[in-house]
Amino acid sequence: MSKEYIFEQKKFLIRVVYAGFLAAIVCLLGIFHVSRGSSIKYLWMFVCFLCVYTIFTNFISISYPRKIVIDNNTISFSAFSKSHVYSRKELEGFKIKERHLVKKMYIRVNKPSLFKGRYWIDLKTYNDYEDLENDLLKIEENIHPNSLKEKIKKNNAIYEERKKEDV
């Protein structure tokens, strides 16, 4: 059974597309100031580096996917007519860093590189974000059943059961 999670259109435009275009404009401004010999050219060079990185992560490496499709055999992250598709059999690594309070996840798939395998997921901006969170955590649990994170979850579940029995 395939589940499709889509980033809200308006928020995607603001957070990814417009941010990328703004970074491109600031980068051009920085290049102009560096070429004119600005007194703070090293600061402008640093700003240009940050802008290029932002453009790269937003548009080329699709670190902020517009659509996530999870089915029994594959998981795919898509944006801008590009997709990164991973077969569940080929998954060697699927690590999630969770930020519970803001409902965000940083996912690293297999051996992440600058071009593929790193994704920032803002759960609240996707449809059925609770299901998305549970599906992603289940994938991580299946790939890494003996990780410290899973041992802590099991230990916390046992603790909660004992706490209920004692009351």
C-alpha atoms as a PDB file:
ATOM      1  CA  MET A   1       0.000   0.000   0.000  1.00  0.00           C
ATOM      2  CA  SER A   2       1.439   3.336  -1.091  1.00  0.00           C
ATOM      3  CA  LYS A   3       1.145   6.485   1.014  1.00  0.00           C
ATOM      4  CA  GLU A   4       1.863   9.903  -0.419  1.00  0.00           C
ATOM      5  CA  TYR A   5       2.691  12.902   1.757  1.00  0.00           C
ATOM      6  CA  ILE A   6       2.762  16.335   0.128  1.00  0.00           C
ATOM      7  CA  PHE A   7       4.236  19.602   1.403  1.00  0.00           C
ATOM      8  CA  GLU A   8       1.635  22.408   1.487  1.00  0.00           C
ATOM      9  CA  GLN A   9       1.968  24.442  -1.725  1.00  0.00           C
ATOM     10  CA  LYS A  10       2.009  27.927  -0.183  1.00  0.00           C
ATOM     11  CA  LYS A  11       4.541  27.026   2.517  1.00  0.00           C
ATOM     12  CA  PHE A  12       6.728  25.210  -0.014  1.00  0.00           C
ATOM     13  CA  LEU A  13       6.819  28.308  -2.211  1.00  0.00           C
ATOM     14  CA  ILE A  14       7.788  30.550   0.688  1.00  0.00           C
ATOM     15  CA  ARG A  15      10.247  28.280   2.508  1.00  0.00           C
ATOM     16  CA  VAL A  16      11.987  26.657  -0.431  1.00  0.00           C
ATOM     17  CA  VAL A  17      11.381  28.417  -3.740  1.00  0.00           C
ATOM     18  CA  TYR A  18      11.314  32.050  -2.617  1.00  0.00           C
ATOM     19  CA  ALA A  19      14.163  31.448  -0.168  1.00  0.00           C
ATOM     20  CA  GLY A  20      16.226  30.012  -3.019  1.00  0.00           C
ATOM     21  CA  PHE A  21      15.475  32.973  -5.282  1.00  0.00           C
ATOM     22  CA  LEU A  22      16.307  35.412  -2.491  1.00  0.00           C
ATOM     23  CA  ALA A  23      19.600  33.594  -1.954  1.00  0.00           C
ATOM     24  CA  ALA A  24      20.342  33.900  -5.694  1.00  0.00           C
ATOM     25  CA  ILE A  25      19.683  37.654  -5.615  1.00  0.00           C
ATOM     26  CA  VAL A  26      21.861  38.149  -2.533  1.00  0.00           C
ATOM     27  CA  CYS A  27      24.584  36.029  -4.148  1.00  0.00           C
ATOM     28  CA  LEU A  28      24.549  38.248  -7.252  1.00  0.00           C
ATOM     29  CA  LEU A  29      24.707  41.309  -5.006  1.00  0.00           C
ATOM     30  CA  GLY A  30      27.648  39.770  -3.164  1.00  0.00           C
ATOM     31  CA  ILE A  31      29.473  39.000  -6.402  1.00  0.00           C
ATOM     32  CA  PHE A  32      28.939  42.617  -7.464  1.00  0.00           C
ATOM     33  CA  HIS A  33      30.394  43.943  -4.188  1.00  0.00           C
ATOM     34  CA  VAL A  34      33.373  41.577  -4.278  1.00  0.00           C
ATOM     35  CA  SER A  35      34.166  42.500  -7.888  1.00  0.00           C
ATOM     36  CA  ARG A  36      34.002  46.232  -7.047  1.00  0.00           C
ATOM     37  CA  GLY A  37      36.543  45.764  -4.247  1.00  0.00           C
ATOM     38  CA  SER A  38      34.304  46.382  -1.257  1.00  0.00           C
ATOM     39  CA  SER A  39      36.001  47.062   2.073  1.00  0.00           C
ATOM     40  CA  ILE A  40      34.169  44.046   3.531  1.00  0.00           C
ATOM     41  CA  LYS A  41      34.753  41.715   0.610  1.00  0.00           C
ATOM     42  CA  TYR A  42      35.527  38.719   2.853  1.00  0.00           C
ATOM     43  CA  LEU A  43      32.144  39.076   4.508  1.00  0.00           C
ATOM     44  CA  TRP A  44      30.506  39.246   1.076  1.00  0.00           C
ATOM     45  CA  MET A  45      32.447  36.143   0.009  1.00  0.00           C
ATOM     46  CA  PHE A  46      31.120  34.292   3.058  1.00  0.00           C
ATOM     47  CA  VAL A  47      27.576  35.481   2.299  1.00  0.00           C
ATOM     48  CA  CYS A  48      27.992  34.259  -1.302  1.00  0.00           C
ATOM     49  CA  PHE A  49      29.138  30.867  -0.031  1.00  0.00           C
ATOM     50  CA  LEU A  50      26.047  30.588   2.193  1.00  0.00           C
ATOM     51  CA  CYS A  51      23.807  31.626  -0.686  1.00  0.00           C
ATOM     52  CA  VAL A  52      25.305  29.046  -3.033  1.00  0.00           C
ATOM     53  CA  TYR A  53      24.858  26.378  -0.373  1.00  0.00           C
ATOM     54  CA  THR A  54      21.212  27.409   0.108  1.00  0.00           C
ATOM     55  CA  ILE A  55      20.547  27.337  -3.640  1.00  0.00           C
ATOM     56  CA  PHE A  56      22.215  23.952  -3.888  1.00  0.00           C
ATOM     57  CA  THR A  57      20.257  22.351  -1.040  1.00  0.00           C
ATOM     58  CA  ASN A  58      16.929  23.851  -2.116  1.00  0.00           C
ATOM     59  CA  PHE A  59      17.046  23.131  -5.845  1.00  0.00           C
ATOM     60  CA  ILE A  60      19.735  20.573  -6.704  1.00  0.00           C
ATOM     61  CA  SER A  61      20.004  18.094  -3.845  1.00  0.00           C
ATOM     62  CA  ILE A  62      16.285  18.354  -2.927  1.00  0.00           C
ATOM     63  CA  SER A  63      16.998  18.427   0.787  1.00  0.00           C
ATOM     64  CA  TYR A  64      13.488  19.823   1.283  1.00  0.00           C
ATOM     65  CA  PRO A  65      11.259  17.361  -0.588  1.00  0.00           C
ATOM     66  CA  ARG A  66       7.878  18.464  -1.920  1.00  0.00           C
ATOM     67  CA  LYS A  67       6.516  14.917  -1.923  1.00  0.00           C
ATOM     68  CA  ILE A  68       7.385  11.796   0.066  1.00  0.00           C
ATOM     69  CA  VAL A  69       6.025   8.469  -1.130  1.00  0.00           C
ATOM     70  CA  ILE A  70       6.308   5.421   1.114  1.00  0.00           C
ATOM     71  CA  ASP A  71       5.191   1.977  -0.008  1.00  0.00           C
ATOM     72  CA  ASN A  72       6.086  -1.614   0.840  1.00  0.00           C
ATOM     73  CA  ASN A  73       9.169  -1.755  -1.391  1.00  0.00           C
ATOM     74  CA  THR A  74      10.425   1.809  -1.815  1.00  0.00           C
ATOM     75  CA  ILE A  75      10.629   5.244  -0.277  1.00  0.00           C
ATOM     76  CA  SER A  76      11.039   8.295  -2.495  1.00  0.00           C
ATOM     77  CA  PHE A  77      11.711  11.974  -1.898  1.00  0.00           C
ATOM     78  CA  SER A  78      10.713  14.291  -4.761  1.00  0.00           C
ATOM     79  CA  ALA A  79      10.822  17.960  -5.718  1.00  0.00           C
ATOM     80  CA  PHE A  80      11.248  19.978  -8.912  1.00  0.00           C
ATOM     81  CA  SER A  81      10.695  16.948 -11.210  1.00  0.00           C
ATOM     82  CA  LYS A  82      13.557  15.071  -9.527  1.00  0.00           C
ATOM     83  CA  SER A  83      13.240  12.038  -7.299  1.00  0.00           C
ATOM     84  CA  HIS A  84      15.532  10.116  -5.014  1.00  0.00           C
ATOM     85  CA  VAL A  85      14.127   6.599  -4.804  1.00  0.00           C
ATOM     86  CA  TYR A  86      15.438   4.052  -2.314  1.00  0.00           C
ATOM     87  CA  SER A  87      14.530   0.386  -2.353  1.00  0.00           C
ATOM     88  CA  ARG A  88      13.924  -0.986   1.129  1.00  0.00           C
ATOM     89  CA  LYS A  89      16.207  -3.922   0.336  1.00  0.00           C
ATOM     90  CA  GLU A  90      19.059  -1.543  -0.542  1.00  0.00           C
ATOM     91  CA  LEU A  91      18.713   0.613   2.577  1.00  0.00           C
ATOM     92  CA  GLU A  92      21.861   0.230   4.648  1.00  0.00           C
ATOM     93  CA  GLY A  93      21.296   3.269   6.811  1.00  0.00           C
ATOM     94  CA  PHE A  94      18.285   5.343   7.723  1.00  0.00           C
ATOM     95  CA  LYS A  95      19.084   7.639  10.634  1.00  0.00           C
ATOM     96  CA  ILE A  96      16.632  10.212  11.950  1.00  0.00           C
ATOM     97  CA  LYS A  97      17.429  13.111  14.247  1.00  0.00           C
ATOM     98  CA  GLU A  98      14.172  14.233  15.757  1.00  0.00           C
ATOM     99  CA  ARG A  99      13.278  17.674  17.055  1.00  0.00           C
ATOM    100  CA  HIS A 100      10.067  16.870  18.917  1.00  0.00           C
ATOM    101  CA  LEU A 101       9.052  20.340  20.044  1.00  0.00           C
ATOM    102  CA  VAL A 102       9.048  21.830  16.549  1.00  0.00           C
ATOM    103  CA  LYS A 103       8.021  18.605  14.775  1.00  0.00           C
ATOM    104  CA  LYS A 104      11.037  18.435  12.460  1.00  0.00           C
ATOM    105  CA  MET A 105      13.280  15.585  11.369  1.00  0.00           C
ATOM    106  CA  TYR A 106      16.680  15.416   9.757  1.00  0.00           C
ATOM    107  CA  ILE A 107      17.002  12.162   7.816  1.00  0.00           C
ATOM    108  CA  ARG A 108      20.212  10.627   6.499  1.00  0.00           C
ATOM    109  CA  VAL A 109      19.754   7.762   4.063  1.00  0.00           C
ATOM    110  CA  ASN A 110      22.514   5.238   3.287  1.00  0.00           C
ATOM    111  CA  LYS A 111      25.743   7.185   2.892  1.00  0.00           C
ATOM    112  CA  PRO A 112      24.574  10.792   2.589  1.00  0.00           C
ATOM    113  CA  SER A 113      26.462  13.163   0.339  1.00  0.00           C
ATOM    114  CA  LEU A 114      26.064  16.725  -0.834  1.00  0.00           C
ATOM    115  CA  PHE A 115      23.949  15.509  -3.767  1.00  0.00           C
ATOM    116  CA  LYS A 116      21.722  12.863  -2.211  1.00  0.00           C
ATOM    117  CA  GLY A 117      20.658  11.318   1.072  1.00  0.00           C
ATOM    118  CA  ARG A 118      20.070  14.304   3.389  1.00  0.00           C
ATOM    119  CA  TYR A 119      16.527  15.542   3.991  1.00  0.00           C
ATOM    120  CA  TRP A 120      14.976  18.112   6.303  1.00  0.00           C
ATOM    121  CA  ILE A 121      11.361  17.218   7.001  1.00  0.00           C
ATOM    122  CA  ASP A 122       9.097  19.797   8.644  1.00  0.00           C
ATOM    123  CA  LEU A 123       6.327  17.418   9.657  1.00  0.00           C
ATOM    124  CA  LYS A 124       3.624  20.035  10.282  1.00  0.00           C
ATOM    125  CA  THR A 125       3.718  21.169   6.658  1.00  0.00           C
ATOM    126  CA  TYR A 126       2.815  17.736   5.250  1.00  0.00           C
ATOM    127  CA  ASN A 127      -0.638  16.220   5.020  1.00  0.00           C
ATOM    128  CA  ASP A 128      -1.202  13.430   7.603  1.00  0.00           C
ATOM    129  CA  TYR A 129       2.025  14.363   9.351  1.00  0.00           C
ATOM    130  CA  GLU A 130       1.435  12.002  12.292  1.00  0.00           C
ATOM    131  CA  ASP A 131       1.286   9.051   9.885  1.00  0.00           C
ATOM    132  CA  LEU A 132       4.393  10.333   8.115  1.00  0.00           C
ATOM    133  CA  GLU A 133       6.269  10.559  11.405  1.00  0.00           C
ATOM    134  CA  ASN A 134       5.210   7.034  12.404  1.00  0.00           C
ATOM    135  CA  ASP A 135       6.080   5.577   8.981  1.00  0.00           C
ATOM    136  CA  LEU A 136       9.543   7.146   8.972  1.00  0.00           C
ATOM    137  CA  LEU A 137      10.239   5.988  12.527  1.00  0.00           C
ATOM    138  CA  LYS A 138       9.120   2.440  11.625  1.00  0.00           C
ATOM    139  CA  ILE A 139      11.535   2.402   8.698  1.00  0.00           C
ATOM    140  CA  GLU A 140      14.342   3.508  11.012  1.00  0.00           C
ATOM    141  CA  GLU A 141      13.354   0.827  13.531  1.00  0.00           C
ATOM    142  CA  ASN A 142      13.370  -1.874  10.831  1.00  0.00           C
ATOM    143  CA  ILE A 143      16.778  -0.820   9.490  1.00  0.00           C
ATOM    144  CA  HIS A 144      18.418  -0.309  12.906  1.00  0.00           C
ATOM    145  CA  PRO A 145      16.598  -2.565  15.421  1.00  0.00           C
ATOM    146  CA  ASN A 146      19.551  -2.697  17.831  1.00  0.00           C
ATOM    147  CA  SER A 147      20.367   0.998  17.905  1.00  0.00           C
ATOM    148  CA  LEU A 148      20.616   2.883  21.174  1.00  0.00           C
ATOM    149  CA  LYS A 149      17.547   4.915  20.203  1.00  0.00           C
ATOM    150  CA  GLU A 150      15.420   1.752  19.862  1.00  0.00           C
ATOM    151  CA  LYS A 151      16.746   0.323  23.128  1.00  0.00           C
ATOM    152  CA  ILE A 152      15.782   3.546  24.904  1.00  0.00           C
ATOM    153  CA  LYS A 153      12.274   3.420  23.383  1.00  0.00           C
ATOM    154  CA  LYS A 154      11.825  -0.184  24.544  1.00  0.00           C
ATOM    155  CA  ASN A 155      13.154   0.661  27.994  1.00  0.00           C
ATOM    156  CA  ASN A 156      10.791   3.635  28.267  1.00  0.00           C
ATOM    157  CA  ALA A 157       7.841   1.445  27.250  1.00  0.00           C
ATOM    158  CA  ILE A 158       8.752  -1.093  29.951  1.00  0.00           C
ATOM    159  CA  TYR A 159       9.076   1.732  32.481  1.00  0.00           C
ATOM    160  CA  GLU A 160       5.617   3.087  31.568  1.00  0.00           C
ATOM    161  CA  GLU A 161       4.083  -0.405  31.956  1.00  0.00           C
ATOM    162  CA  ARG A 162       5.678  -0.821  35.387  1.00  0.00           C
ATOM    163  CA  LYS A 163       4.499   2.616  36.383  1.00  0.00           C
ATOM    164  CA  LYS A 164       0.900   1.708  35.452  1.00  0.00           C
ATOM    165  CA  GLU A 165       1.118  -1.557  37.419  1.00  0.00           C
ATOM    166  CA  ASP A 166       2.409   0.207  40.546  1.00  0.00           C
ATOM    167  CA  VAL A 167      -0.496   2.665  40.636  1.00  0.00           C
END
